[in-house]
Amino acid sequence: MSRPSITVRVPAELRVFLAADRRGEVVDVATDGASSLGHVIESLGVPLTEVGGLSVDGRQVAAAHVPATGEDVAVHAVERPQRLPGAPLRFLLDVHLGTLARRLRLLGVDAAYESQDIGDPALAALSAAERRVMLTRDRGLLRRRELWAGAYVYSDRPEEQLPYVLNRFAPDLAPWTRCVACNGPLTEATKEAVSDHLQHGTRASYDVFAQCTACGRVYWKGAHHARLDALVTNALREIAAEPPA
């Protein structure tokens, strides 16, 4: 005797989470009559952070819905840009996303980053305590119920990760206002105020400085500024090119 089942329709962008032999648009899934639809979707490998909505036979349902035999379920991807009400938009990145964290900070986006592997429970708790969106490539981490919000970073290449986050969340950008080392705010500083932090050649060649109010790190338009300025310019252009929601 065959087990009771439902039909699940998965959009193309979420099929990457499915097992290789189930990556079609339609997946038949056995049900037990007790598990929630959210649990069923996660059992397929799709984190609920990537699901923008669920519908059954054309009507919208919550993840807590318990599917009945024969139901036709449609999984909807998250709309772009994704809006998260109730808190300022800020992020938390795991140990594997250091370059992305620094680039977000360069753009003035509040991006906390753990340079040490503190473990999934601690990361989830920090996301909840500070109401930060957890950015990670760890699907297991995104399944933790403590998370305030989360998003899967699909690419392992920083040059693709940054446009993805900008496209998905459309954060407000304020380039050159955050410390790329610690995420603290920057403030203008005189050469005299930061003189002890500068080598002789820097003191002689530059007059405009900024300093982190949290860690004290000093910034100026040095040899790498042109490369960083190009990254900022491209990011601003990408945000400006996004169609309105």
C-alpha atoms as a PDB file:
ATOM      1  CA  MET A   1       0.000   0.000   0.000  1.00  0.00           C
ATOM      2  CA  SER A   2       1.395   3.438  -0.945  1.00  0.00           C
ATOM      3  CA  ARG A   3       1.848   6.062   1.772  1.00  0.00           C
ATOM      4  CA  PRO A   4      -0.293   9.236   1.842  1.00  0.00           C
ATOM      5  CA  SER A   5       1.414  12.025  -0.074  1.00  0.00           C
ATOM      6  CA  ILE A   6       1.175  15.627  -1.193  1.00  0.00           C
ATOM      7  CA  THR A   7       2.500  17.432  -4.243  1.00  0.00           C
ATOM      8  CA  VAL A   8       5.006  20.228  -3.618  1.00  0.00           C
ATOM      9  CA  ARG A   9       5.831  22.742  -6.348  1.00  0.00           C
ATOM     10  CA  VAL A  10       9.239  24.351  -5.868  1.00  0.00           C
ATOM     11  CA  PRO A  11      10.348  27.490  -7.778  1.00  0.00           C
ATOM     12  CA  ALA A  12      13.524  27.232  -9.845  1.00  0.00           C
ATOM     13  CA  GLU A  13      15.676  29.349  -7.531  1.00  0.00           C
ATOM     14  CA  LEU A  14      14.983  27.085  -4.554  1.00  0.00           C
ATOM     15  CA  ARG A  15      15.616  23.766  -6.290  1.00  0.00           C
ATOM     16  CA  VAL A  16      19.307  24.036  -5.446  1.00  0.00           C
ATOM     17  CA  PHE A  17      18.338  22.883  -1.951  1.00  0.00           C
ATOM     18  CA  LEU A  18      16.683  19.688  -3.156  1.00  0.00           C
ATOM     19  CA  ALA A  19      18.416  16.358  -3.467  1.00  0.00           C
ATOM     20  CA  ALA A  20      19.869  15.838  -6.954  1.00  0.00           C
ATOM     21  CA  ASP A  21      17.207  13.266  -7.878  1.00  0.00           C
ATOM     22  CA  ARG A  22      14.325  15.553  -6.839  1.00  0.00           C
ATOM     23  CA  ARG A  23      15.180  18.822  -8.565  1.00  0.00           C
ATOM     24  CA  GLY A  24      12.123  19.020 -10.764  1.00  0.00           C
ATOM     25  CA  GLU A  25       9.377  21.601 -10.389  1.00  0.00           C
ATOM     26  CA  VAL A  26       7.023  19.078  -8.795  1.00  0.00           C
ATOM     27  CA  VAL A  27       7.994  16.804  -5.899  1.00  0.00           C
ATOM     28  CA  ASP A  28       5.792  14.095  -4.423  1.00  0.00           C
ATOM     29  CA  VAL A  29       6.296  13.948  -0.661  1.00  0.00           C
ATOM     30  CA  ALA A  30       5.014  11.295   1.728  1.00  0.00           C
ATOM     31  CA  THR A  31       3.178  12.718   4.754  1.00  0.00           C
ATOM     32  CA  ASP A  32       2.346  11.386   8.195  1.00  0.00           C
ATOM     33  CA  GLY A  33      -0.735  13.505   8.905  1.00  0.00           C
ATOM     34  CA  ALA A  34       0.937  15.158  11.895  1.00  0.00           C
ATOM     35  CA  SER A  35       3.982  17.101  10.676  1.00  0.00           C
ATOM     36  CA  SER A  36       3.548  20.769   9.789  1.00  0.00           C
ATOM     37  CA  LEU A  37       4.042  21.985   6.259  1.00  0.00           C
ATOM     38  CA  GLY A  38       7.073  23.954   7.433  1.00  0.00           C
ATOM     39  CA  HIS A  39       8.640  20.735   8.700  1.00  0.00           C
ATOM     40  CA  VAL A  40       7.862  19.029   5.388  1.00  0.00           C
ATOM     41  CA  ILE A  41       9.522  21.817   3.390  1.00  0.00           C
ATOM     42  CA  GLU A  42      12.601  21.759   5.628  1.00  0.00           C
ATOM     43  CA  SER A  43      12.783  17.966   5.265  1.00  0.00           C
ATOM     44  CA  LEU A  44      13.222  18.548   1.534  1.00  0.00           C
ATOM     45  CA  GLY A  45      16.272  20.691   2.353  1.00  0.00           C
ATOM     46  CA  VAL A  46      14.743  24.139   1.840  1.00  0.00           C
ATOM     47  CA  PRO A  47      15.379  26.520   4.771  1.00  0.00           C
ATOM     48  CA  LEU A  48      12.240  28.439   5.716  1.00  0.00           C
ATOM     49  CA  THR A  49      14.284  31.657   5.612  1.00  0.00           C
ATOM     50  CA  GLU A  50      14.208  31.253   1.810  1.00  0.00           C
ATOM     51  CA  VAL A  51      10.441  30.769   1.638  1.00  0.00           C
ATOM     52  CA  GLY A  52       8.338  33.856   1.050  1.00  0.00           C
ATOM     53  CA  GLY A  53       4.996  32.086   1.380  1.00  0.00           C
ATOM     54  CA  LEU A  54       3.132  28.811   1.071  1.00  0.00           C
ATOM     55  CA  SER A  55      -0.181  28.071  -0.588  1.00  0.00           C
ATOM     56  CA  VAL A  56      -2.341  24.957  -0.678  1.00  0.00           C
ATOM     57  CA  ASP A  57      -4.731  24.439  -3.585  1.00  0.00           C
ATOM     58  CA  GLY A  58      -4.456  28.146  -4.332  1.00  0.00           C
ATOM     59  CA  ARG A  59      -5.043  29.499  -0.814  1.00  0.00           C
ATOM     60  CA  GLN A  60      -2.312  30.969   1.379  1.00  0.00           C
ATOM     61  CA  VAL A  61      -1.416  28.980   4.496  1.00  0.00           C
ATOM     62  CA  ALA A  62       1.021  29.298   7.385  1.00  0.00           C
ATOM     63  CA  ALA A  63       4.022  27.052   7.894  1.00  0.00           C
ATOM     64  CA  ALA A  64       2.136  25.509  10.839  1.00  0.00           C
ATOM     65  CA  HIS A  65      -0.514  24.080   8.485  1.00  0.00           C
ATOM     66  CA  VAL A  66      -0.693  20.272   8.634  1.00  0.00           C
ATOM     67  CA  PRO A  67      -1.132  19.035   5.054  1.00  0.00           C
ATOM     68  CA  ALA A  68      -3.734  16.443   4.176  1.00  0.00           C
ATOM     69  CA  THR A  69      -3.336  13.698   1.619  1.00  0.00           C
ATOM     70  CA  GLY A  70      -3.571  14.900  -1.955  1.00  0.00           C
ATOM     71  CA  GLU A  71      -3.034  18.592  -1.305  1.00  0.00           C
ATOM     72  CA  ASP A  72      -1.196  20.626  -3.933  1.00  0.00           C
ATOM     73  CA  VAL A  73       1.382  22.839  -2.217  1.00  0.00           C
ATOM     74  CA  ALA A  74       3.150  25.774  -3.871  1.00  0.00           C
ATOM     75  CA  VAL A  75       6.334  27.161  -2.318  1.00  0.00           C
ATOM     76  CA  HIS A  76       6.988  30.827  -3.091  1.00  0.00           C
ATOM     77  CA  ALA A  77      10.414  32.443  -3.029  1.00  0.00           C
ATOM     78  CA  VAL A  78      11.120  35.531  -0.928  1.00  0.00           C
ATOM     79  CA  GLU A  79      10.158  38.769  -2.656  1.00  0.00           C
ATOM     80  CA  ARG A  80      12.887  41.260  -3.525  1.00  0.00           C
ATOM     81  CA  PRO A  81      13.628  43.441  -1.753  1.00  0.00           C
ATOM     82  CA  GLN A  82      12.775  41.567   1.408  1.00  0.00           C
ATOM     83  CA  ARG A  83      11.279  43.769   4.110  1.00  0.00           C
ATOM     84  CA  LEU A  84      11.716  42.886   7.785  1.00  0.00           C
ATOM     85  CA  PRO A  85       9.512  45.122   9.964  1.00  0.00           C
ATOM     86  CA  GLY A  86      10.160  45.966  13.560  1.00  0.00           C
ATOM     87  CA  ALA A  87      13.920  46.588  13.676  1.00  0.00           C
ATOM     88  CA  PRO A  88      16.639  48.539  11.861  1.00  0.00           C
ATOM     89  CA  LEU A  89      18.115  46.407   9.081  1.00  0.00           C
ATOM     90  CA  ARG A  90      21.416  45.016  10.294  1.00  0.00           C
ATOM     91  CA  PHE A  91      23.274  41.790   9.772  1.00  0.00           C
ATOM     92  CA  LEU A  92      25.281  39.077  11.497  1.00  0.00           C
ATOM     93  CA  LEU A  93      27.731  37.020   9.442  1.00  0.00           C
ATOM     94  CA  ASP A  94      29.361  33.747  10.352  1.00  0.00           C
ATOM     95  CA  VAL A  95      33.063  32.911  10.310  1.00  0.00           C
ATOM     96  CA  HIS A  96      33.086  32.032   6.592  1.00  0.00           C
ATOM     97  CA  LEU A  97      31.859  35.421   5.339  1.00  0.00           C
ATOM     98  CA  GLY A  98      34.579  37.800   6.502  1.00  0.00           C
ATOM     99  CA  THR A  99      35.151  39.433   3.111  1.00  0.00           C
ATOM    100  CA  LEU A 100      31.439  40.052   2.655  1.00  0.00           C
ATOM    101  CA  ALA A 101      31.276  41.585   6.143  1.00  0.00           C
ATOM    102  CA  ARG A 102      34.118  43.997   5.357  1.00  0.00           C
ATOM    103  CA  ARG A 103      32.512  45.029   2.060  1.00  0.00           C
ATOM    104  CA  LEU A 104      29.150  45.666   3.698  1.00  0.00           C
ATOM    105  CA  ARG A 105      30.872  47.789   6.339  1.00  0.00           C
ATOM    106  CA  LEU A 106      32.691  49.706   3.616  1.00  0.00           C
ATOM    107  CA  LEU A 107      29.243  50.637   2.312  1.00  0.00           C
ATOM    108  CA  GLY A 108      28.137  51.755   5.762  1.00  0.00           C
ATOM    109  CA  VAL A 109      25.929  48.721   6.443  1.00  0.00           C
ATOM    110  CA  ASP A 110      25.789  47.494  10.051  1.00  0.00           C
ATOM    111  CA  ALA A 111      27.398  44.061   9.710  1.00  0.00           C
ATOM    112  CA  ALA A 112      28.528  42.216  12.827  1.00  0.00           C
ATOM    113  CA  TYR A 113      30.959  39.378  12.124  1.00  0.00           C
ATOM    114  CA  GLU A 114      32.305  36.546  14.223  1.00  0.00           C
ATOM    115  CA  SER A 115      35.908  35.838  13.194  1.00  0.00           C
ATOM    116  CA  GLN A 116      35.941  32.756  15.429  1.00  0.00           C
ATOM    117  CA  ASP A 117      33.627  29.763  15.149  1.00  0.00           C
ATOM    118  CA  ILE A 118      31.442  30.316  18.208  1.00  0.00           C
ATOM    119  CA  GLY A 119      28.945  27.615  17.206  1.00  0.00           C
ATOM    120  CA  ASP A 120      25.445  27.672  15.779  1.00  0.00           C
ATOM    121  CA  PRO A 121      23.589  28.027  19.109  1.00  0.00           C
ATOM    122  CA  ALA A 122      25.583  31.137  20.050  1.00  0.00           C
ATOM    123  CA  LEU A 123      25.130  32.693  16.600  1.00  0.00           C
ATOM    124  CA  ALA A 124      21.389  32.066  16.654  1.00  0.00           C
ATOM    125  CA  ALA A 125      21.127  33.538  20.150  1.00  0.00           C
ATOM    126  CA  LEU A 126      23.073  36.642  19.068  1.00  0.00           C
ATOM    127  CA  SER A 127      20.807  37.074  16.042  1.00  0.00           C
ATOM    128  CA  ALA A 128      17.793  36.990  18.341  1.00  0.00           C
ATOM    129  CA  ALA A 129      19.266  39.217  21.057  1.00  0.00           C
ATOM    130  CA  GLU A 130      20.390  41.956  18.641  1.00  0.00           C
ATOM    131  CA  ARG A 131      17.641  41.408  16.019  1.00  0.00           C
ATOM    132  CA  ARG A 132      20.112  40.860  13.235  1.00  0.00           C
ATOM    133  CA  VAL A 133      19.632  39.011   9.956  1.00  0.00           C
ATOM    134  CA  MET A 134      21.876  35.938  10.015  1.00  0.00           C
ATOM    135  CA  LEU A 135      23.813  35.630   6.743  1.00  0.00           C
ATOM    136  CA  THR A 136      25.378  32.214   6.239  1.00  0.00           C
ATOM    137  CA  ARG A 137      26.032  29.347   3.851  1.00  0.00           C
ATOM    138  CA  ASP A 138      25.235  26.878   6.639  1.00  0.00           C
ATOM    139  CA  ARG A 139      21.762  25.478   5.986  1.00  0.00           C
ATOM    140  CA  GLY A 140      21.653  23.834   9.401  1.00  0.00           C
ATOM    141  CA  LEU A 141      22.168  27.180  11.122  1.00  0.00           C
ATOM    142  CA  LEU A 142      19.212  28.635   9.228  1.00  0.00           C
ATOM    143  CA  ARG A 143      16.961  25.911  10.661  1.00  0.00           C
ATOM    144  CA  ARG A 144      17.515  27.037  14.255  1.00  0.00           C
ATOM    145  CA  ARG A 145      14.296  28.370  15.721  1.00  0.00           C
ATOM    146  CA  GLU A 146      16.062  31.018  17.828  1.00  0.00           C
ATOM    147  CA  LEU A 147      17.075  33.067  14.787  1.00  0.00           C
ATOM    148  CA  TRP A 148      15.412  36.452  14.513  1.00  0.00           C
ATOM    149  CA  ALA A 149      15.785  36.292  10.718  1.00  0.00           C
ATOM    150  CA  GLY A 150      18.195  34.708   8.285  1.00  0.00           C
ATOM    151  CA  ALA A 151      19.237  34.365   4.676  1.00  0.00           C
ATOM    152  CA  TYR A 152      21.253  31.822   2.760  1.00  0.00           C
ATOM    153  CA  VAL A 153      24.212  33.241   0.821  1.00  0.00           C
ATOM    154  CA  TYR A 154      24.118  31.179  -2.357  1.00  0.00           C
ATOM    155  CA  SER A 155      27.585  31.901  -3.769  1.00  0.00           C
ATOM    156  CA  ASP A 156      30.999  31.297  -2.212  1.00  0.00           C
ATOM    157  CA  ARG A 157      32.485  34.193  -4.220  1.00  0.00           C
ATOM    158  CA  PRO A 158      32.541  37.611  -2.483  1.00  0.00           C
ATOM    159  CA  GLU A 159      32.073  39.449  -5.794  1.00  0.00           C
ATOM    160  CA  GLU A 160      28.727  37.648  -6.157  1.00  0.00           C
ATOM    161  CA  GLN A 161      27.765  37.663  -2.485  1.00  0.00           C
ATOM    162  CA  LEU A 162      27.648  41.445  -2.136  1.00  0.00           C
ATOM    163  CA  PRO A 163      25.280  42.105  -5.085  1.00  0.00           C
ATOM    164  CA  TYR A 164      23.059  39.294  -3.824  1.00  0.00           C
ATOM    165  CA  VAL A 165      22.668  40.832  -0.355  1.00  0.00           C
ATOM    166  CA  LEU A 166      22.116  44.301  -1.832  1.00  0.00           C
ATOM    167  CA  ASN A 167      19.478  42.942  -4.208  1.00  0.00           C
ATOM    168  CA  ARG A 168      17.682  40.879  -1.587  1.00  0.00           C
ATOM    169  CA  PHE A 169      17.507  43.457   1.201  1.00  0.00           C
ATOM    170  CA  ALA A 170      18.210  46.856  -0.428  1.00  0.00           C
ATOM    171  CA  PRO A 171      19.896  48.238   2.715  1.00  0.00           C
ATOM    172  CA  ASP A 172      20.519  51.956   3.058  1.00  0.00           C
ATOM    173  CA  LEU A 173      24.111  52.679   2.055  1.00  0.00           C
ATOM    174  CA  ALA A 174      26.404  55.257   3.660  1.00  0.00           C
ATOM    175  CA  PRO A 175      29.897  54.535   2.267  1.00  0.00           C
ATOM    176  CA  TRP A 176      32.999  55.346   4.300  1.00  0.00           C
ATOM    177  CA  THR A 177      31.122  55.697   7.590  1.00  0.00           C
ATOM    178  CA  ARG A 178      31.990  52.376   9.283  1.00  0.00           C
ATOM    179  CA  CYS A 179      35.186  50.725  10.406  1.00  0.00           C
ATOM    180  CA  VAL A 180      35.823  47.679   8.213  1.00  0.00           C
ATOM    181  CA  ALA A 181      37.744  46.082  11.074  1.00  0.00           C
ATOM    182  CA  CYS A 182      35.213  46.291  13.917  1.00  0.00           C
ATOM    183  CA  ASN A 183      31.970  47.756  12.462  1.00  0.00           C
ATOM    184  CA  GLY A 184      32.175  50.865  14.651  1.00  0.00           C
ATOM    185  CA  PRO A 185      31.203  54.322  13.336  1.00  0.00           C
ATOM    186  CA  LEU A 186      33.857  56.590  11.842  1.00  0.00           C
ATOM    187  CA  THR A 187      34.320  60.256  12.619  1.00  0.00           C
ATOM    188  CA  GLU A 188      36.491  62.920  11.007  1.00  0.00           C
ATOM    189  CA  ALA A 189      39.854  63.388  12.708  1.00  0.00           C
ATOM    190  CA  THR A 190      42.599  65.968  12.454  1.00  0.00           C
ATOM    191  CA  LYS A 191      46.158  64.958  11.657  1.00  0.00           C
ATOM    192  CA  GLU A 192      47.223  66.193  15.059  1.00  0.00           C
ATOM    193  CA  ALA A 193      44.657  64.024  16.847  1.00  0.00           C
ATOM    194  CA  VAL A 194      45.798  60.813  15.128  1.00  0.00           C
ATOM    195  CA  SER A 195      49.483  61.640  14.723  1.00  0.00           C
ATOM    196  CA  ASP A 196      50.595  58.889  17.111  1.00  0.00           C
ATOM    197  CA  HIS A 197      48.928  56.286  14.871  1.00  0.00           C
ATOM    198  CA  LEU A 198      50.724  57.386  11.697  1.00  0.00           C
ATOM    199  CA  GLN A 199      54.066  56.507  10.191  1.00  0.00           C
ATOM    200  CA  HIS A 200      56.252  59.377   9.015  1.00  0.00           C
ATOM    201  CA  GLY A 201      55.468  58.886   5.318  1.00  0.00           C
ATOM    202  CA  THR A 202      51.730  58.935   5.952  1.00  0.00           C
ATOM    203  CA  ARG A 203      51.956  62.097   8.067  1.00  0.00           C
ATOM    204  CA  ALA A 204      53.878  63.790   5.274  1.00  0.00           C
ATOM    205  CA  SER A 205      51.610  62.670   2.408  1.00  0.00           C
ATOM    206  CA  TYR A 206      48.046  62.880   3.725  1.00  0.00           C
ATOM    207  CA  ASP A 207      45.938  65.505   5.463  1.00  0.00           C
ATOM    208  CA  VAL A 208      42.409  64.029   5.622  1.00  0.00           C
ATOM    209  CA  PHE A 209      41.712  61.305   8.157  1.00  0.00           C
ATOM    210  CA  ALA A 210      38.870  59.448   9.838  1.00  0.00           C
ATOM    211  CA  GLN A 211      39.004  57.429  13.036  1.00  0.00           C
ATOM    212  CA  CYS A 212      36.860  54.635  14.421  1.00  0.00           C
ATOM    213  CA  THR A 213      35.099  55.719  17.594  1.00  0.00           C
ATOM    214  CA  ALA A 214      35.070  52.108  18.830  1.00  0.00           C
ATOM    215  CA  CYS A 215      38.530  50.643  18.182  1.00  0.00           C
ATOM    216  CA  GLY A 216      40.540  53.762  17.321  1.00  0.00           C
ATOM    217  CA  ARG A 217      41.700  52.576  13.902  1.00  0.00           C
ATOM    218  CA  VAL A 218      42.681  55.458  11.573  1.00  0.00           C
ATOM    219  CA  TYR A 219      41.737  55.702   7.882  1.00  0.00           C
ATOM    220  CA  TRP A 220      42.978  57.805   4.972  1.00  0.00           C
ATOM    221  CA  LYS A 221      42.859  57.646   1.171  1.00  0.00           C
ATOM    222  CA  GLY A 222      45.918  55.474   0.713  1.00  0.00           C
ATOM    223  CA  ALA A 223      47.195  53.149  -1.994  1.00  0.00           C
ATOM    224  CA  HIS A 224      44.116  50.894  -1.938  1.00  0.00           C
ATOM    225  CA  HIS A 225      41.569  53.691  -2.093  1.00  0.00           C
ATOM    226  CA  ALA A 226      41.013  53.512  -5.870  1.00  0.00           C
ATOM    227  CA  ARG A 227      40.124  49.816  -5.696  1.00  0.00           C
ATOM    228  CA  LEU A 228      37.777  50.357  -2.760  1.00  0.00           C
ATOM    229  CA  ASP A 229      36.214  53.396  -4.378  1.00  0.00           C
ATOM    230  CA  ALA A 230      35.445  51.299  -7.480  1.00  0.00           C
ATOM    231  CA  LEU A 231      33.706  48.711  -5.286  1.00  0.00           C
ATOM    232  CA  VAL A 232      31.617  51.436  -3.639  1.00  0.00           C
ATOM    233  CA  THR A 233      30.745  53.022  -6.995  1.00  0.00           C
ATOM    234  CA  ASN A 234      29.623  49.694  -8.440  1.00  0.00           C
ATOM    235  CA  ALA A 235      27.477  48.962  -5.384  1.00  0.00           C
ATOM    236  CA  LEU A 236      25.770  52.358  -5.542  1.00  0.00           C
ATOM    237  CA  ARG A 237      25.166  51.880  -9.262  1.00  0.00           C
ATOM    238  CA  GLU A 238      23.642  48.451  -8.645  1.00  0.00           C
ATOM    239  CA  ILE A 239      21.297  49.766  -5.952  1.00  0.00           C
ATOM    240  CA  ALA A 240      20.243  52.654  -8.189  1.00  0.00           C
ATOM    241  CA  ALA A 241      19.545  50.273 -11.080  1.00  0.00           C
ATOM    242  CA  GLU A 242      17.153  48.090  -9.062  1.00  0.00           C
ATOM    243  CA  PRO A 243      13.525  48.561 -10.134  1.00  0.00           C
ATOM    244  CA  PRO A 244      11.175  49.870  -7.441  1.00  0.00           C
ATOM    245  CA  ALA A 245       9.308  47.258  -5.383  1.00  0.00           C
END
